[in-house]
Amino acid sequence: MESELRVHPGRIQDSIRRLRAWQGEWAERLEHARRVSIALIETVRAVPGQGFQAKATTHHQHLGLVAERVERLARTLEQALERLERAFQEAAQPLREPFPSVAAGVLPTAAVAASFEEAYAFIRRWEGGYVNDPDDRGGPTNLGITQATYDRYRQDHGLPIQDVRQITPEEAEAIYRQYYWEASGAARLPRPLGIVHMDTAVNMGGKRAMEFLTEAQRRHPNDPHAAVEAYLDLRLNRYLELAQDPSQRKFLNGWLNRLRDLAGVATESPEFQRAFEQRVIARLEGDPAFAEHLSYVRRHWGWENQEGR
């Protein structure tokens, strides 16, 4: 039942664009036919003889009838597009409004809804070009999109599978909107929780992100700000858990930098970010295996002369 009710706004918008392009092509062809026909009629009229004149008049009348029918078709198409867009906007409206929690608990309805554009801007800051690190469990990645996810997107849209190195920025944005913003439920969360949740779905997968969201909201069902703090802590714990594997430890500095940046951007609070930095440092201090990373964090986050605080 759920799959039958799923809304695919990207596909609907693609269909609308194709229909509009088709309408424009018809208008162009009609104009070309009109110009050719008028030239033909004028040529025929210039030739003496009533037979030619009669045929020219008939041809001109036929052209007018065709033009009228095509114009009606164009108007009908435009009206159909308008109705389709209205229906799509009505279906998508609940996704843009503040919404009850998609996990446990109920968030305040007065909270400001998160914005895809804002969340996606953060993603672009951290997801670069093509990467194929043998130690990266995600495999080949481009613009933050793995080969497996790109294959799924191409198959869903009836397109042949191709190397993720060929992904376009437009495809990447469509994937982030459909598979991470909407599918994860981030679109129905208030900010800053929606931004944190989408980035986690991108970085750790939708299943892991939903686990974190559920737990964070269980702890703080009516306080999005406190839920964000708990969410970030859960993600930090996961990074430190992954970094126990020596093959994954080389990614830890990048993970921590991204998480610190997310804490500041999502909450728009330097104080929140600074408090989060303190929690990260405290966690690193508790494990000798992370001594090198602790030194890096202190040096690059401005805590070099504040050990023990």
C-alpha atoms as a PDB file:
ATOM      1  CA  MET A   1       0.000   0.000   0.000  1.00  0.00           C
ATOM      2  CA  GLU A   2       2.777   2.400   0.910  1.00  0.00           C
ATOM      3  CA  SER A   3       4.502   1.975  -2.450  1.00  0.00           C
ATOM      4  CA  GLU A   4       1.229   2.698  -4.264  1.00  0.00           C
ATOM      5  CA  LEU A   5       0.808   5.993  -2.442  1.00  0.00           C
ATOM      6  CA  ARG A   6       4.397   7.182  -2.855  1.00  0.00           C
ATOM      7  CA  VAL A   7       4.797  10.570  -4.556  1.00  0.00           C
ATOM      8  CA  HIS A   8       7.676  10.956  -7.023  1.00  0.00           C
ATOM      9  CA  PRO A   9       7.871  14.737  -7.583  1.00  0.00           C
ATOM     10  CA  GLY A  10      11.048  14.441  -9.635  1.00  0.00           C
ATOM     11  CA  ARG A  11       9.327  12.183 -12.161  1.00  0.00           C
ATOM     12  CA  ILE A  12       6.247  14.423 -12.298  1.00  0.00           C
ATOM     13  CA  GLN A  13       8.370  17.493 -12.928  1.00  0.00           C
ATOM     14  CA  ASP A  14      10.294  15.644 -15.654  1.00  0.00           C
ATOM     15  CA  SER A  15       6.989  14.729 -17.295  1.00  0.00           C
ATOM     16  CA  ILE A  16       5.812  18.339 -17.146  1.00  0.00           C
ATOM     17  CA  ARG A  17       9.048  19.532 -18.716  1.00  0.00           C
ATOM     18  CA  ARG A  18       8.755  16.959 -21.530  1.00  0.00           C
ATOM     19  CA  LEU A  19       5.167  17.975 -22.209  1.00  0.00           C
ATOM     20  CA  ARG A  20       6.085  21.646 -22.351  1.00  0.00           C
ATOM     21  CA  ALA A  21       8.976  20.870 -24.696  1.00  0.00           C
ATOM     22  CA  TRP A  22       6.583  18.864 -26.877  1.00  0.00           C
ATOM     23  CA  GLN A  23       4.120  21.764 -26.975  1.00  0.00           C
ATOM     24  CA  GLY A  24       6.891  24.142 -28.042  1.00  0.00           C
ATOM     25  CA  GLU A  25       7.988  21.750 -30.792  1.00  0.00           C
ATOM     26  CA  TRP A  26       4.423  21.593 -32.147  1.00  0.00           C
ATOM     27  CA  ALA A  27       4.180  25.390 -32.153  1.00  0.00           C
ATOM     28  CA  GLU A  28       7.476  25.639 -34.031  1.00  0.00           C
ATOM     29  CA  ARG A  29       6.398  23.064 -36.612  1.00  0.00           C
ATOM     30  CA  LEU A  30       3.071  24.831 -37.098  1.00  0.00           C
ATOM     31  CA  GLU A  31       4.773  28.166 -37.675  1.00  0.00           C
ATOM     32  CA  HIS A  32       7.136  26.585 -40.206  1.00  0.00           C
ATOM     33  CA  ALA A  33       4.216  24.945 -42.036  1.00  0.00           C
ATOM     34  CA  ARG A  34       2.348  28.244 -42.037  1.00  0.00           C
ATOM     35  CA  ARG A  35       5.270  30.112 -43.612  1.00  0.00           C
ATOM     36  CA  VAL A  36       5.810  27.435 -46.279  1.00  0.00           C
ATOM     37  CA  SER A  37       2.107  27.273 -47.085  1.00  0.00           C
ATOM     38  CA  ILE A  38       1.761  31.038 -47.377  1.00  0.00           C
ATOM     39  CA  ALA A  39       4.734  31.142 -49.729  1.00  0.00           C
ATOM     40  CA  LEU A  40       3.164  28.360 -51.792  1.00  0.00           C
ATOM     41  CA  ILE A  41      -0.177  30.142 -51.930  1.00  0.00           C
ATOM     42  CA  GLU A  42       1.414  33.412 -53.010  1.00  0.00           C
ATOM     43  CA  THR A  43       3.317  31.566 -55.742  1.00  0.00           C
ATOM     44  CA  VAL A  44       0.148  29.896 -57.007  1.00  0.00           C
ATOM     45  CA  ARG A  45      -1.771  33.164 -56.989  1.00  0.00           C
ATOM     46  CA  ALA A  46       0.918  34.752 -59.112  1.00  0.00           C
ATOM     47  CA  VAL A  47       0.252  32.179 -61.879  1.00  0.00           C
ATOM     48  CA  PRO A  48      -2.670  33.094 -64.261  1.00  0.00           C
ATOM     49  CA  GLY A  49      -5.628  30.813 -64.317  1.00  0.00           C
ATOM     50  CA  GLN A  50      -8.803  30.419 -62.277  1.00  0.00           C
ATOM     51  CA  GLY A  51      -8.036  26.787 -61.509  1.00  0.00           C
ATOM     52  CA  PHE A  52      -4.905  27.760 -59.666  1.00  0.00           C
ATOM     53  CA  GLN A  53      -6.758  30.495 -57.820  1.00  0.00           C
ATOM     54  CA  ALA A  54      -9.458  28.085 -56.673  1.00  0.00           C
ATOM     55  CA  LYS A  55      -6.911  25.520 -55.468  1.00  0.00           C
ATOM     56  CA  ALA A  56      -4.990  28.249 -53.660  1.00  0.00           C
ATOM     57  CA  THR A  57      -8.124  29.428 -51.871  1.00  0.00           C
ATOM     58  CA  THR A  58      -8.993  25.872 -50.815  1.00  0.00           C
ATOM     59  CA  HIS A  59      -5.454  25.263 -49.577  1.00  0.00           C
ATOM     60  CA  HIS A  60      -5.505  28.509 -47.573  1.00  0.00           C
ATOM     61  CA  GLN A  61      -8.800  27.555 -45.933  1.00  0.00           C
ATOM     62  CA  HIS A  62      -7.423  24.111 -45.062  1.00  0.00           C
ATOM     63  CA  LEU A  63      -4.358  25.715 -43.528  1.00  0.00           C
ATOM     64  CA  GLY A  64      -6.574  27.931 -41.395  1.00  0.00           C
ATOM     65  CA  LEU A  65      -8.526  24.905 -40.184  1.00  0.00           C
ATOM     66  CA  VAL A  66      -5.330  23.039 -39.282  1.00  0.00           C
ATOM     67  CA  ALA A  67      -4.002  26.089 -37.451  1.00  0.00           C
ATOM     68  CA  GLU A  68      -7.230  26.368 -35.470  1.00  0.00           C
ATOM     69  CA  ARG A  69      -7.109  22.705 -34.453  1.00  0.00           C
ATOM     70  CA  VAL A  70      -3.483  22.870 -33.418  1.00  0.00           C
ATOM     71  CA  GLU A  71      -4.175  26.019 -31.420  1.00  0.00           C
ATOM     72  CA  ARG A  72      -6.997  24.215 -29.596  1.00  0.00           C
ATOM     73  CA  LEU A  73      -4.632  21.317 -28.921  1.00  0.00           C
ATOM     74  CA  ALA A  74      -2.042  23.723 -27.527  1.00  0.00           C
ATOM     75  CA  ARG A  75      -4.626  25.360 -25.250  1.00  0.00           C
ATOM     76  CA  THR A  76      -5.863  21.961 -24.068  1.00  0.00           C
ATOM     77  CA  LEU A  77      -2.306  20.868 -23.352  1.00  0.00           C
ATOM     78  CA  GLU A  78      -1.578  24.042 -21.387  1.00  0.00           C
ATOM     79  CA  GLN A  79      -4.730  23.571 -19.297  1.00  0.00           C
ATOM     80  CA  ALA A  80      -3.791  19.946 -18.643  1.00  0.00           C
ATOM     81  CA  LEU A  81      -0.321  21.031 -17.528  1.00  0.00           C
ATOM     82  CA  GLU A  82      -1.767  23.625 -15.184  1.00  0.00           C
ATOM     83  CA  ARG A  83      -4.077  21.028 -13.615  1.00  0.00           C
ATOM     84  CA  LEU A  84      -1.194  18.564 -13.314  1.00  0.00           C
ATOM     85  CA  GLU A  85       1.003  21.169 -11.615  1.00  0.00           C
ATOM     86  CA  ARG A  86      -1.781  22.133  -9.208  1.00  0.00           C
ATOM     87  CA  ALA A  87      -2.354  18.482  -8.331  1.00  0.00           C
ATOM     88  CA  PHE A  88       1.365  17.967  -7.802  1.00  0.00           C
ATOM     89  CA  GLN A  89       1.650  21.065  -5.613  1.00  0.00           C
ATOM     90  CA  GLU A  90      -1.310  19.919  -3.503  1.00  0.00           C
ATOM     91  CA  ALA A  91       0.226  16.460  -3.097  1.00  0.00           C
ATOM     92  CA  ALA A  92       3.609  17.927  -2.171  1.00  0.00           C
ATOM     93  CA  GLN A  93       2.240  20.557   0.232  1.00  0.00           C
ATOM     94  CA  PRO A  94       2.329  18.310   3.323  1.00  0.00           C
ATOM     95  CA  LEU A  95       6.041  17.720   2.682  1.00  0.00           C
ATOM     96  CA  ARG A  96       6.746  21.461   2.961  1.00  0.00           C
ATOM     97  CA  GLU A  97       4.787  22.098   6.125  1.00  0.00           C
ATOM     98  CA  PRO A  98       5.934  21.544   9.702  1.00  0.00           C
ATOM     99  CA  PHE A  99       4.972  17.955  10.400  1.00  0.00           C
ATOM    100  CA  PRO A 100       4.790  15.657  13.399  1.00  0.00           C
ATOM    101  CA  SER A 101       7.843  13.554  13.986  1.00  0.00           C
ATOM    102  CA  VAL A 102       8.470  10.734  11.545  1.00  0.00           C
ATOM    103  CA  ALA A 103       9.829   8.698  14.446  1.00  0.00           C
ATOM    104  CA  ALA A 104       8.872   8.588  18.104  1.00  0.00           C
ATOM    105  CA  GLY A 105       7.486  11.661  19.811  1.00  0.00           C
ATOM    106  CA  VAL A 106       5.766  14.793  18.549  1.00  0.00           C
ATOM    107  CA  LEU A 107       7.691  17.937  17.632  1.00  0.00           C
ATOM    108  CA  PRO A 108       6.262  21.431  18.181  1.00  0.00           C
ATOM    109  CA  THR A 109       4.103  22.422  15.203  1.00  0.00           C
ATOM    110  CA  ALA A 110       5.359  26.009  15.451  1.00  0.00           C
ATOM    111  CA  ALA A 111       8.907  24.924  14.599  1.00  0.00           C
ATOM    112  CA  VAL A 112      10.322  26.237  11.316  1.00  0.00           C
ATOM    113  CA  ALA A 113      10.448  23.540   8.644  1.00  0.00           C
ATOM    114  CA  ALA A 114      13.842  22.559   7.316  1.00  0.00           C
ATOM    115  CA  SER A 115      14.706  23.594   3.752  1.00  0.00           C
ATOM    116  CA  PHE A 116      16.053  21.235   1.100  1.00  0.00           C
ATOM    117  CA  GLU A 117      18.063  24.063  -0.424  1.00  0.00           C
ATOM    118  CA  GLU A 118      19.769  24.762   2.891  1.00  0.00           C
ATOM    119  CA  ALA A 119      20.443  21.087   3.581  1.00  0.00           C
ATOM    120  CA  TYR A 120      21.696  20.498   0.055  1.00  0.00           C
ATOM    121  CA  ALA A 121      24.007  23.510   0.246  1.00  0.00           C
ATOM    122  CA  PHE A 122      25.656  21.892   3.261  1.00  0.00           C
ATOM    123  CA  ILE A 123      25.969  18.560   1.418  1.00  0.00           C
ATOM    124  CA  ARG A 124      27.724  20.248  -1.497  1.00  0.00           C
ATOM    125  CA  ARG A 125      30.288  21.713   0.894  1.00  0.00           C
ATOM    126  CA  TRP A 126      31.400  18.232   1.870  1.00  0.00           C
ATOM    127  CA  GLU A 127      30.797  16.040  -1.153  1.00  0.00           C
ATOM    128  CA  GLY A 128      33.333  16.596  -3.922  1.00  0.00           C
ATOM    129  CA  GLY A 129      34.329  14.853  -7.139  1.00  0.00           C
ATOM    130  CA  TYR A 130      35.100  11.277  -8.009  1.00  0.00           C
ATOM    131  CA  VAL A 131      36.630   9.114  -5.260  1.00  0.00           C
ATOM    132  CA  ASN A 132      37.393   5.397  -5.256  1.00  0.00           C
ATOM    133  CA  ASP A 133      39.327   4.682  -2.071  1.00  0.00           C
ATOM    134  CA  PRO A 134      39.705   0.918  -1.553  1.00  0.00           C
ATOM    135  CA  ASP A 135      39.126   1.429   2.178  1.00  0.00           C
ATOM    136  CA  ASP A 136      35.902   3.384   1.644  1.00  0.00           C
ATOM    137  CA  ARG A 137      33.043   0.938   2.209  1.00  0.00           C
ATOM    138  CA  GLY A 138      30.766   2.976  -0.042  1.00  0.00           C
ATOM    139  CA  GLY A 139      32.804   2.111  -3.134  1.00  0.00           C
ATOM    140  CA  PRO A 140      33.205   4.449  -6.139  1.00  0.00           C
ATOM    141  CA  THR A 141      31.591   7.817  -5.404  1.00  0.00           C
ATOM    142  CA  ASN A 142      31.078  11.041  -7.338  1.00  0.00           C
ATOM    143  CA  LEU A 143      29.466  14.213  -5.982  1.00  0.00           C
ATOM    144  CA  GLY A 144      28.738  12.133  -2.894  1.00  0.00           C
ATOM    145  CA  ILE A 145      26.661   9.601  -4.857  1.00  0.00           C
ATOM    146  CA  THR A 146      27.803   5.973  -4.789  1.00  0.00           C
ATOM    147  CA  GLN A 147      27.779   3.805  -7.884  1.00  0.00           C
ATOM    148  CA  ALA A 148      25.053   1.617  -6.345  1.00  0.00           C
ATOM    149  CA  THR A 149      22.771   4.606  -5.708  1.00  0.00           C
ATOM    150  CA  TYR A 150      23.403   5.995  -9.176  1.00  0.00           C
ATOM    151  CA  ASP A 151      22.534   2.596 -10.698  1.00  0.00           C
ATOM    152  CA  ARG A 152      19.270   2.603  -8.763  1.00  0.00           C
ATOM    153  CA  TYR A 153      18.405   6.123  -9.947  1.00  0.00           C
ATOM    154  CA  ARG A 154      19.100   5.297 -13.592  1.00  0.00           C
ATOM    155  CA  GLN A 155      17.042   2.099 -13.396  1.00  0.00           C
ATOM    156  CA  ASP A 156      14.143   3.904 -11.680  1.00  0.00           C
ATOM    157  CA  HIS A 157      14.050   6.385 -14.583  1.00  0.00           C
ATOM    158  CA  GLY A 158      14.350   3.803 -17.349  1.00  0.00           C
ATOM    159  CA  LEU A 159      17.902   4.835 -18.228  1.00  0.00           C
ATOM    160  CA  PRO A 160      20.888   2.593 -18.983  1.00  0.00           C
ATOM    161  CA  ILE A 161      23.383   2.116 -16.161  1.00  0.00           C
ATOM    162  CA  GLN A 162      26.630   4.035 -16.567  1.00  0.00           C
ATOM    163  CA  ASP A 163      29.751   4.867 -14.582  1.00  0.00           C
ATOM    164  CA  VAL A 164      29.115   7.232 -11.669  1.00  0.00           C
ATOM    165  CA  ARG A 165      31.891   9.425 -13.078  1.00  0.00           C
ATOM    166  CA  GLN A 166      29.359  10.469 -15.725  1.00  0.00           C
ATOM    167  CA  ILE A 167      26.754  11.716 -13.249  1.00  0.00           C
ATOM    168  CA  THR A 168      25.535  15.263 -13.928  1.00  0.00           C
ATOM    169  CA  PRO A 169      24.916  17.923 -11.246  1.00  0.00           C
ATOM    170  CA  GLU A 170      21.225  17.811 -12.151  1.00  0.00           C
ATOM    171  CA  GLU A 171      21.073  14.063 -11.563  1.00  0.00           C
ATOM    172  CA  ALA A 172      22.942  14.427  -8.268  1.00  0.00           C
ATOM    173  CA  GLU A 173      20.495  17.049  -7.007  1.00  0.00           C
ATOM    174  CA  ALA A 174      17.513  14.919  -8.048  1.00  0.00           C
ATOM    175  CA  ILE A 175      18.984  11.916  -6.213  1.00  0.00           C
ATOM    176  CA  TYR A 176      19.609  13.924  -3.054  1.00  0.00           C
ATOM    177  CA  ARG A 177      16.080  15.315  -3.111  1.00  0.00           C
ATOM    178  CA  GLN A 178      14.294  12.023  -3.799  1.00  0.00           C
ATOM    179  CA  TYR A 179      16.427   9.409  -2.044  1.00  0.00           C
ATOM    180  CA  TYR A 180      17.735  11.371   0.929  1.00  0.00           C
ATOM    181  CA  TRP A 181      15.584  14.452   1.578  1.00  0.00           C
ATOM    182  CA  GLU A 182      12.171  12.927   0.948  1.00  0.00           C
ATOM    183  CA  ALA A 183      12.765   9.207   1.509  1.00  0.00           C
ATOM    184  CA  SER A 184      14.510   9.760   4.853  1.00  0.00           C
ATOM    185  CA  GLY A 185      11.668  11.929   6.190  1.00  0.00           C
ATOM    186  CA  ALA A 186      13.939  14.973   6.546  1.00  0.00           C
ATOM    187  CA  ALA A 187      11.403  16.999   4.529  1.00  0.00           C
ATOM    188  CA  ARG A 188       8.887  16.594   7.357  1.00  0.00           C
ATOM    189  CA  LEU A 189      11.218  17.666  10.160  1.00  0.00           C
ATOM    190  CA  PRO A 190      11.821  21.139  11.560  1.00  0.00           C
ATOM    191  CA  ARG A 191      15.202  22.743  11.309  1.00  0.00           C
ATOM    192  CA  PRO A 192      17.811  22.121  12.532  1.00  0.00           C
ATOM    193  CA  LEU A 193      16.823  18.459  12.905  1.00  0.00           C
ATOM    194  CA  GLY A 194      15.911  18.035   9.234  1.00  0.00           C
ATOM    195  CA  ILE A 195      19.317  19.268   8.086  1.00  0.00           C
ATOM    196  CA  VAL A 196      21.170  16.980  10.486  1.00  0.00           C
ATOM    197  CA  HIS A 197      18.991  14.031   9.517  1.00  0.00           C
ATOM    198  CA  MET A 198      19.489  14.458   5.767  1.00  0.00           C
ATOM    199  CA  ASP A 199      23.259  14.779   6.099  1.00  0.00           C
ATOM    200  CA  THR A 200      23.346  11.646   8.242  1.00  0.00           C
ATOM    201  CA  ALA A 201      21.301   9.724   5.663  1.00  0.00           C
ATOM    202  CA  VAL A 202      23.802  10.798   3.000  1.00  0.00           C
ATOM    203  CA  ASN A 203      26.861  10.029   5.117  1.00  0.00           C
ATOM    204  CA  MET A 204      25.719   6.884   6.909  1.00  0.00           C
ATOM    205  CA  GLY A 205      22.697   5.579   5.041  1.00  0.00           C
ATOM    206  CA  GLY A 206      18.965   5.943   5.600  1.00  0.00           C
ATOM    207  CA  LYS A 207      18.613   3.010   7.975  1.00  0.00           C
ATOM    208  CA  ARG A 208      21.298   4.274  10.357  1.00  0.00           C
ATOM    209  CA  ALA A 209      19.917   7.821  10.163  1.00  0.00           C
ATOM    210  CA  MET A 210      16.434   6.606  11.143  1.00  0.00           C
ATOM    211  CA  GLU A 211      17.869   4.716  14.112  1.00  0.00           C
ATOM    212  CA  PHE A 212      19.546   7.898  15.340  1.00  0.00           C
ATOM    213  CA  LEU A 213      16.437  10.014  14.746  1.00  0.00           C
ATOM    214  CA  THR A 214      14.214   7.577  16.613  1.00  0.00           C
ATOM    215  CA  GLU A 215      16.542   7.479  19.606  1.00  0.00           C
ATOM    216  CA  ALA A 216      17.105  11.254  19.676  1.00  0.00           C
ATOM    217  CA  GLN A 217      13.370  11.922  19.591  1.00  0.00           C
ATOM    218  CA  ARG A 218      12.711   9.267  22.190  1.00  0.00           C
ATOM    219  CA  ARG A 219      15.013  11.158  24.533  1.00  0.00           C
ATOM    220  CA  HIS A 220      13.679  14.618  23.631  1.00  0.00           C
ATOM    221  CA  PRO A 221      10.209  14.275  22.042  1.00  0.00           C
ATOM    222  CA  ASN A 222       9.291  17.956  22.384  1.00  0.00           C
ATOM    223  CA  ASP A 223      12.618  19.740  22.031  1.00  0.00           C
ATOM    224  CA  PRO A 224      14.201  19.732  18.523  1.00  0.00           C
ATOM    225  CA  HIS A 225      17.288  21.576  19.789  1.00  0.00           C
ATOM    226  CA  ALA A 226      18.003  18.966  22.467  1.00  0.00           C
ATOM    227  CA  ALA A 227      17.180  16.217  19.956  1.00  0.00           C
ATOM    228  CA  VAL A 228      19.858  17.624  17.642  1.00  0.00           C
ATOM    229  CA  GLU A 229      22.403  17.490  20.448  1.00  0.00           C
ATOM    230  CA  ALA A 230      21.544  13.852  21.154  1.00  0.00           C
ATOM    231  CA  TYR A 231      21.550  13.046  17.438  1.00  0.00           C
ATOM    232  CA  LEU A 232      25.040  14.497  16.939  1.00  0.00           C
ATOM    233  CA  ASP A 233      26.315  12.564  19.947  1.00  0.00           C
ATOM    234  CA  LEU A 234      24.951   9.325  18.495  1.00  0.00           C
ATOM    235  CA  ARG A 235      26.669  10.046  15.201  1.00  0.00           C
ATOM    236  CA  LEU A 236      29.928  10.864  17.008  1.00  0.00           C
ATOM    237  CA  ASN A 237      29.727   7.543  18.854  1.00  0.00           C
ATOM    238  CA  ARG A 238      29.318   5.733  15.550  1.00  0.00           C
ATOM    239  CA  TYR A 239      32.358   7.462  14.042  1.00  0.00           C
ATOM    240  CA  LEU A 240      34.494   6.511  17.017  1.00  0.00           C
ATOM    241  CA  GLU A 241      33.199   2.959  16.794  1.00  0.00           C
ATOM    242  CA  LEU A 242      34.121   2.752  13.103  1.00  0.00           C
ATOM    243  CA  ALA A 243      37.542   4.255  13.794  1.00  0.00           C
ATOM    244  CA  GLN A 244      38.409   1.333  16.047  1.00  0.00           C
ATOM    245  CA  ASP A 245      39.126  -0.395  12.740  1.00  0.00           C
ATOM    246  CA  PRO A 246      42.608   0.817  11.668  1.00  0.00           C
ATOM    247  CA  SER A 247      41.546   0.827   7.995  1.00  0.00           C
ATOM    248  CA  GLN A 248      38.790   3.326   8.818  1.00  0.00           C
ATOM    249  CA  ARG A 249      40.724   5.489  11.269  1.00  0.00           C
ATOM    250  CA  LYS A 250      42.282   7.557   8.498  1.00  0.00           C
ATOM    251  CA  PHE A 251      38.812   8.986   7.770  1.00  0.00           C
ATOM    252  CA  LEU A 252      38.183  10.136  11.355  1.00  0.00           C
ATOM    253  CA  ASN A 253      39.552  13.679  11.061  1.00  0.00           C
ATOM    254  CA  GLY A 254      37.329  14.332   8.042  1.00  0.00           C
ATOM    255  CA  TRP A 255      34.295  12.841   9.785  1.00  0.00           C
ATOM    256  CA  LEU A 256      34.838  14.994  12.866  1.00  0.00           C
ATOM    257  CA  ASN A 257      35.338  18.158  10.806  1.00  0.00           C
ATOM    258  CA  ARG A 258      32.098  17.507   8.956  1.00  0.00           C
ATOM    259  CA  LEU A 259      30.199  16.843  12.180  1.00  0.00           C
ATOM    260  CA  ARG A 260      31.561  20.003  13.807  1.00  0.00           C
ATOM    261  CA  ASP A 261      30.589  22.063  10.747  1.00  0.00           C
ATOM    262  CA  LEU A 262      27.120  20.494  10.774  1.00  0.00           C
ATOM    263  CA  ALA A 263      26.631  21.432  14.421  1.00  0.00           C
ATOM    264  CA  GLY A 264      27.326  25.074  13.601  1.00  0.00           C
ATOM    265  CA  VAL A 265      25.475  25.360  10.281  1.00  0.00           C
ATOM    266  CA  ALA A 266      22.341  23.486  11.328  1.00  0.00           C
ATOM    267  CA  THR A 267      21.853  25.351  14.623  1.00  0.00           C
ATOM    268  CA  GLU A 268      23.312  28.705  13.450  1.00  0.00           C
ATOM    269  CA  SER A 269      24.804  28.921  16.927  1.00  0.00           C
ATOM    270  CA  PRO A 270      28.562  29.365  17.500  1.00  0.00           C
ATOM    271  CA  GLU A 271      27.937  28.600  21.175  1.00  0.00           C
ATOM    272  CA  PHE A 272      26.316  25.270  20.334  1.00  0.00           C
ATOM    273  CA  GLN A 273      29.188  24.422  18.007  1.00  0.00           C
ATOM    274  CA  ARG A 274      31.771  25.298  20.655  1.00  0.00           C
ATOM    275  CA  ALA A 275      30.011  23.160  23.261  1.00  0.00           C
ATOM    276  CA  PHE A 276      29.916  20.297  20.782  1.00  0.00           C
ATOM    277  CA  GLU A 277      33.648  20.665  20.171  1.00  0.00           C
ATOM    278  CA  GLN A 278      34.200  20.273  23.903  1.00  0.00           C
ATOM    279  CA  ARG A 279      32.244  17.015  23.923  1.00  0.00           C
ATOM    280  CA  VAL A 280      34.286  15.696  20.981  1.00  0.00           C
ATOM    281  CA  ILE A 281      37.562  16.542  22.727  1.00  0.00           C
ATOM    282  CA  ALA A 282      36.381  14.879  25.934  1.00  0.00           C
ATOM    283  CA  ARG A 283      35.553  11.690  24.022  1.00  0.00           C
ATOM    284  CA  LEU A 284      38.917  11.645  22.244  1.00  0.00           C
ATOM    285  CA  GLU A 285      40.745  12.210  25.530  1.00  0.00           C
ATOM    286  CA  GLY A 286      39.183   9.036  26.882  1.00  0.00           C
ATOM    287  CA  ASP A 287      40.859   6.723  24.345  1.00  0.00           C
ATOM    288  CA  PRO A 288      44.662   6.627  23.838  1.00  0.00           C
ATOM    289  CA  ALA A 289      44.100   5.215  20.330  1.00  0.00           C
ATOM    290  CA  PHE A 290      42.830   8.637  19.281  1.00  0.00           C
ATOM    291  CA  ALA A 291      45.794  10.669  20.610  1.00  0.00           C
ATOM    292  CA  GLU A 292      46.817  11.740  17.110  1.00  0.00           C
ATOM    293  CA  HIS A 293      43.292  12.827  16.269  1.00  0.00           C
ATOM    294  CA  LEU A 294      42.975  14.691  19.571  1.00  0.00           C
ATOM    295  CA  SER A 295      46.090  16.666  18.698  1.00  0.00           C
ATOM    296  CA  TYR A 296      44.692  17.419  15.236  1.00  0.00           C
ATOM    297  CA  VAL A 297      41.347  18.614  16.606  1.00  0.00           C
ATOM    298  CA  ARG A 298      42.919  20.875  19.212  1.00  0.00           C
ATOM    299  CA  ARG A 299      45.233  22.402  16.640  1.00  0.00           C
ATOM    300  CA  HIS A 300      42.653  22.972  13.894  1.00  0.00           C
ATOM    301  CA  TRP A 301      39.669  23.868  16.058  1.00  0.00           C
ATOM    302  CA  GLY A 302      41.458  26.487  18.130  1.00  0.00           C
ATOM    303  CA  TRP A 303      41.811  24.478  21.353  1.00  0.00           C
ATOM    304  CA  GLU A 304      45.586  24.049  21.213  1.00  0.00           C
ATOM    305  CA  ASN A 305      46.251  26.055  24.367  1.00  0.00           C
ATOM    306  CA  GLN A 306      43.197  24.839  26.254  1.00  0.00           C
ATOM    307  CA  GLU A 307      44.036  21.241  27.175  1.00  0.00           C
ATOM    308  CA  GLY A 308      42.106  19.933  30.120  1.00  0.00           C
ATOM    309  CA  ARG A 309      39.368  22.553  29.934  1.00  0.00           C
END
